[in-house]
Amino acid sequence: MLYYALVFLVIAIIAGALGFGGVAGASAGIAQLLFYVFLGLLAISLIFGLFRRA
């Protein structure tokens, strides 16, 4: 999932450099959403990992 966030971030940077504002904004929004979902899943897996060891 982090891979897809980075892909959308690269698309947003390229689209922004070429002047496609709408595409850049949408891609940046998707990248941000995927990144936060990834961080949430990482935190949940770390918490469950700590409880499993105890």
PDB file of N, CA and C in Angstrom:
ATOM      1  N   MET A   1       0.826  -1.182   0.000  1.00  0.00           N
ATOM      2  CA  MET A   1       0.000   0.000   0.000  1.00  0.00           C
ATOM      3  C   MET A   1       0.874   1.252   0.000  1.00  0.00           C
ATOM      4  N   LEU A   2       1.988   1.177   0.682  1.00  0.00           N
ATOM      5  CA  LEU A   2       2.903   2.312   0.665  1.00  0.00           C
ATOM      6  C   LEU A   2       3.444   2.530  -0.748  1.00  0.00           C
ATOM      7  N   TYR A   3       3.606   1.446  -1.494  1.00  0.00           N
ATOM      8  CA  TYR A   3       4.056   1.547  -2.882  1.00  0.00           C
ATOM      9  C   TYR A   3       3.078   2.378  -3.716  1.00  0.00           C
ATOM     10  N   TYR A   4       1.769   2.109  -3.551  1.00  0.00           N
ATOM     11  CA  TYR A   4       0.768   2.853  -4.310  1.00  0.00           C
ATOM     12  C   TYR A   4       0.717   4.317  -3.900  1.00  0.00           C
ATOM     13  N   ALA A   5       0.927   4.598  -2.632  1.00  0.00           N
ATOM     14  CA  ALA A   5       0.977   5.988  -2.178  1.00  0.00           C
ATOM     15  C   ALA A   5       2.137   6.719  -2.846  1.00  0.00           C
ATOM     16  N   LEU A   6       3.280   6.058  -2.928  1.00  0.00           N
ATOM     17  CA  LEU A   6       4.437   6.678  -3.581  1.00  0.00           C
ATOM     18  C   LEU A   6       4.209   6.850  -5.086  1.00  0.00           C
ATOM     19  N   VAL A   7       3.533   5.884  -5.709  1.00  0.00           N
ATOM     20  CA  VAL A   7       3.232   5.996  -7.142  1.00  0.00           C
ATOM     21  C   VAL A   7       2.336   7.206  -7.394  1.00  0.00           C
ATOM     22  N   PHE A   8       1.281   7.366  -6.596  1.00  0.00           N
ATOM     23  CA  PHE A   8       0.393   8.509  -6.776  1.00  0.00           C
ATOM     24  C   PHE A   8       1.102   9.819  -6.457  1.00  0.00           C
ATOM     25  N   LEU A   9       2.043   9.805  -5.522  1.00  0.00           N
ATOM     26  CA  LEU A   9       2.809  11.000  -5.227  1.00  0.00           C
ATOM     27  C   LEU A   9       3.672  11.395  -6.419  1.00  0.00           C
ATOM     28  N   VAL A  10       4.316  10.416  -7.054  1.00  0.00           N
ATOM     29  CA  VAL A  10       5.140  10.707  -8.237  1.00  0.00           C
ATOM     30  C   VAL A  10       4.266  11.219  -9.375  1.00  0.00           C
ATOM     31  N   ILE A  11       3.095  10.626  -9.559  1.00  0.00           N
ATOM     32  CA  ILE A  11       2.168  11.105 -10.593  1.00  0.00           C
ATOM     33  C   ILE A  11       1.766  12.539 -10.319  1.00  0.00           C
ATOM     34  N   ALA A  12       1.499  12.855  -9.044  1.00  0.00           N
ATOM     35  CA  ALA A  12       1.110  14.223  -8.687  1.00  0.00           C
ATOM     36  C   ALA A  12       2.238  15.211  -8.964  1.00  0.00           C
ATOM     37  N   ILE A  13       3.459  14.820  -8.658  1.00  0.00           N
ATOM     38  CA  ILE A  13       4.599  15.721  -8.902  1.00  0.00           C
ATOM     39  C   ILE A  13       4.791  15.955 -10.389  1.00  0.00           C
ATOM     40  N   ILE A  14       4.714  14.902 -11.183  1.00  0.00           N
ATOM     41  CA  ILE A  14       4.881  15.043 -12.634  1.00  0.00           C
ATOM     42  C   ILE A  14       3.748  15.866 -13.231  1.00  0.00           C
ATOM     43  N   ALA A  15       2.510  15.587 -12.809  1.00  0.00           N
ATOM     44  CA  ALA A  15       1.372  16.333 -13.344  1.00  0.00           C
ATOM     45  C   ALA A  15       1.444  17.801 -12.927  1.00  0.00           C
ATOM     46  N   GLY A  16       1.898  18.061 -11.709  1.00  0.00           N
ATOM     47  CA  GLY A  16       2.042  19.446 -11.267  1.00  0.00           C
ATOM     48  C   GLY A  16       3.105  20.193 -12.058  1.00  0.00           C
ATOM     49  N   ALA A  17       4.198  19.501 -12.368  1.00  0.00           N
ATOM     50  CA  ALA A  17       5.268  20.133 -13.141  1.00  0.00           C
ATOM     51  C   ALA A  17       4.827  20.432 -14.569  1.00  0.00           C
ATOM     52  N   LEU A  18       3.940  19.595 -15.111  1.00  0.00           N
ATOM     53  CA  LEU A  18       3.473  19.796 -16.480  1.00  0.00           C
ATOM     54  C   LEU A  18       2.273  20.741 -16.560  1.00  0.00           C
ATOM     55  N   GLY A  19       1.729  21.131 -15.419  1.00  0.00           N
ATOM     56  CA  GLY A  19       0.655  22.112 -15.417  1.00  0.00           C
ATOM     57  C   GLY A  19      -0.740  21.530 -15.370  1.00  0.00           C
ATOM     58  N   PHE A  20      -0.878  20.264 -15.078  1.00  0.00           N
ATOM     59  CA  PHE A  20      -2.202  19.659 -14.970  1.00  0.00           C
ATOM     60  C   PHE A  20      -2.637  19.738 -13.507  1.00  0.00           C
ATOM     61  N   GLY A  21      -3.248  20.852 -13.138  1.00  0.00           N
ATOM     62  CA  GLY A  21      -3.589  21.105 -11.743  1.00  0.00           C
ATOM     63  C   GLY A  21      -4.597  20.142 -11.169  1.00  0.00           C
ATOM     64  N   GLY A  22      -5.638  19.816 -11.923  1.00  0.00           N
ATOM     65  CA  GLY A  22      -6.666  18.916 -11.410  1.00  0.00           C
ATOM     66  C   GLY A  22      -6.153  17.513 -11.176  1.00  0.00           C
ATOM     67  N   VAL A  23      -5.376  17.018 -12.110  1.00  0.00           N
ATOM     68  CA  VAL A  23      -4.808  15.669 -11.977  1.00  0.00           C
ATOM     69  C   VAL A  23      -3.818  15.635 -10.822  1.00  0.00           C
ATOM     70  N   ALA A  24      -3.022  16.680 -10.689  1.00  0.00           N
ATOM     71  CA  ALA A  24      -2.039  16.733  -9.606  1.00  0.00           C
ATOM     72  C   ALA A  24      -2.729  16.767  -8.250  1.00  0.00           C
ATOM     73  N   GLY A  25      -3.786  17.535  -8.129  1.00  0.00           N
ATOM     74  CA  GLY A  25      -4.508  17.615  -6.865  1.00  0.00           C
ATOM     75  C   GLY A  25      -5.164  16.297  -6.495  1.00  0.00           C
ATOM     76  N   ALA A  26      -5.765  15.648  -7.477  1.00  0.00           N
ATOM     77  CA  ALA A  26      -6.420  14.360  -7.217  1.00  0.00           C
ATOM     78  C   ALA A  26      -5.397  13.293  -6.841  1.00  0.00           C
ATOM     79  N   SER A  27      -4.290  13.252  -7.547  1.00  0.00           N
ATOM     80  CA  SER A  27      -3.253  12.263  -7.247  1.00  0.00           C
ATOM     81  C   SER A  27      -2.625  12.512  -5.877  1.00  0.00           C
ATOM     82  N   ALA A  28      -2.425  13.763  -5.531  1.00  0.00           N
ATOM     83  CA  ALA A  28      -1.862  14.074  -4.215  1.00  0.00           C
ATOM     84  C   ALA A  28      -2.840  13.691  -3.113  1.00  0.00           C
ATOM     85  N   GLY A  29      -4.121  13.905  -3.336  1.00  0.00           N
ATOM     86  CA  GLY A  29      -5.124  13.516  -2.357  1.00  0.00           C
ATOM     87  C   GLY A  29      -5.177  12.010  -2.159  1.00  0.00           C
ATOM     88  N   ILE A  30      -5.114  11.261  -3.241  1.00  0.00           N
ATOM     89  CA  ILE A  30      -5.114   9.796  -3.146  1.00  0.00           C
ATOM     90  C   ILE A  30      -3.853   9.311  -2.442  1.00  0.00           C
ATOM     91  N   ALA A  31      -2.707   9.901  -2.774  1.00  0.00           N
ATOM     92  CA  ALA A  31      -1.448   9.511  -2.134  1.00  0.00           C
ATOM     93  C   ALA A  31      -1.504   9.779  -0.638  1.00  0.00           C
ATOM     94  N   GLN A  32      -2.053  10.917  -0.250  1.00  0.00           N
ATOM     95  CA  GLN A  32      -2.156  11.251   1.166  1.00  0.00           C
ATOM     96  C   GLN A  32      -3.086  10.286   1.889  1.00  0.00           C
ATOM     97  N   LEU A  33      -4.211   9.963   1.284  1.00  0.00           N
ATOM     98  CA  LEU A  33      -5.153   9.029   1.883  1.00  0.00           C
ATOM     99  C   LEU A  33      -4.529   7.651   2.064  1.00  0.00           C
ATOM    100  N   LEU A  34      -3.859   7.141   1.042  1.00  0.00           N
ATOM    101  CA  LEU A  34      -3.228   5.831   1.130  1.00  0.00           C
ATOM    102  C   LEU A  34      -2.113   5.816   2.167  1.00  0.00           C
ATOM    103  N   PHE A  35      -1.385   6.904   2.284  1.00  0.00           N
ATOM    104  CA  PHE A  35      -0.317   6.969   3.274  1.00  0.00           C
ATOM    105  C   PHE A  35      -0.873   6.899   4.687  1.00  0.00           C
ATOM    106  N   TYR A  36      -1.961   7.620   4.954  1.00  0.00           N
ATOM    107  CA  TYR A  36      -2.555   7.588   6.291  1.00  0.00           C
ATOM    108  C   TYR A  36      -3.177   6.229   6.596  1.00  0.00           C
ATOM    109  N   VAL A  37      -3.755   5.587   5.600  1.00  0.00           N
ATOM    110  CA  VAL A  37      -4.283   4.232   5.802  1.00  0.00           C
ATOM    111  C   VAL A  37      -3.138   3.282   6.125  1.00  0.00           C
ATOM    112  N   PHE A  38      -2.021   3.419   5.415  1.00  0.00           N
ATOM    113  CA  PHE A  38      -0.849   2.597   5.686  1.00  0.00           C
ATOM    114  C   PHE A  38      -0.356   2.817   7.114  1.00  0.00           C
ATOM    115  N   LEU A  39      -0.269   4.065   7.562  1.00  0.00           N
ATOM    116  CA  LEU A  39       0.195   4.335   8.921  1.00  0.00           C
ATOM    117  C   LEU A  39      -0.755   3.753   9.963  1.00  0.00           C
ATOM    118  N   GLY A  40      -2.048   3.826   9.697  1.00  0.00           N
ATOM    119  CA  GLY A  40      -3.025   3.244  10.615  1.00  0.00           C
ATOM    120  C   GLY A  40      -2.883   1.739  10.710  1.00  0.00           C
ATOM    121  N   LEU A  41      -2.727   1.077   9.581  1.00  0.00           N
ATOM    122  CA  LEU A  41      -2.556  -0.373   9.593  1.00  0.00           C
ATOM    123  C   LEU A  41      -1.241  -0.777  10.248  1.00  0.00           C
ATOM    124  N   LEU A  42      -0.205   0.017  10.063  1.00  0.00           N
ATOM    125  CA  LEU A  42       1.071  -0.251  10.719  1.00  0.00           C
ATOM    126  C   LEU A  42       0.923  -0.154  12.236  1.00  0.00           C
ATOM    127  N   ALA A  43       0.249   0.890  12.706  1.00  0.00           N
ATOM    128  CA  ALA A  43       0.063   1.047  14.150  1.00  0.00           C
ATOM    129  C   ALA A  43      -0.755  -0.100  14.729  1.00  0.00           C
ATOM    130  N   ILE A  44      -1.801  -0.510  14.031  1.00  0.00           N
ATOM    131  CA  ILE A  44      -2.637  -1.616  14.505  1.00  0.00           C
ATOM    132  C   ILE A  44      -1.833  -2.909  14.559  1.00  0.00           C
ATOM    133  N   SER A  45      -1.038  -3.161  13.536  1.00  0.00           N
ATOM    134  CA  SER A  45      -0.254  -4.402  13.536  1.00  0.00           C
ATOM    135  C   SER A  45       0.819  -4.389  14.627  1.00  0.00           C
ATOM    136  N   LEU A  46       1.403  -3.240  14.913  1.00  0.00           N
ATOM    137  CA  LEU A  46       2.388  -3.147  15.989  1.00  0.00           C
ATOM    138  C   LEU A  46       1.732  -3.381  17.347  1.00  0.00           C
ATOM    139  N   ILE A  47       0.553  -2.835  17.560  1.00  0.00           N
ATOM    140  CA  ILE A  47      -0.154  -3.026  18.822  1.00  0.00           C
ATOM    141  C   ILE A  47      -0.520  -4.480  19.015  1.00  0.00           C
ATOM    142  N   PHE A  48      -1.068  -5.117  17.980  1.00  0.00           N
ATOM    143  CA  PHE A  48      -1.423  -6.534  18.089  1.00  0.00           C
ATOM    144  C   PHE A  48      -0.178  -7.402  18.277  1.00  0.00           C
ATOM    145  N   GLY A  49       0.930  -7.014  17.682  1.00  0.00           N
ATOM    146  CA  GLY A  49       2.172  -7.743  17.868  1.00  0.00           C
ATOM    147  C   GLY A  49       2.671  -7.675  19.304  1.00  0.00           C
ATOM    148  N   LEU A  50       2.501  -6.537  19.946  1.00  0.00           N
ATOM    149  CA  LEU A  50       2.902  -6.396  21.346  1.00  0.00           C
ATOM    150  C   LEU A  50       2.021  -7.237  22.259  1.00  0.00           C
ATOM    151  N   PHE A  51       0.718  -7.277  21.977  1.00  0.00           N
ATOM    152  CA  PHE A  51      -0.191  -8.061  22.806  1.00  0.00           C
ATOM    153  C   PHE A  51       0.013  -9.561  22.599  1.00  0.00           C
ATOM    154  N   ARG A  52       0.408  -9.945  21.406  1.00  0.00           N
ATOM    155  CA  ARG A  52       0.598 -11.365  21.114  1.00  0.00           C
ATOM    156  C   ARG A  52       1.814 -11.901  21.879  1.00  0.00           C
ATOM    157  N   ARG A  53       2.855 -11.085  22.055  1.00  0.00           N
ATOM    158  CA  ARG A  53       4.053 -11.515  22.761  1.00  0.00           C
ATOM    159  C   ARG A  53       3.806 -11.629  24.273  1.00  0.00           C
ATOM    160  N   ALA A  54       2.955 -10.773  24.800  1.00  0.00           N
ATOM    161  CA  ALA A  54       2.734 -10.749  26.253  1.00  0.00           C
ATOM    162  C   ALA A  54       1.883 -11.894  26.741  1.00  0.00           C
TER     163      ALA A  54
END
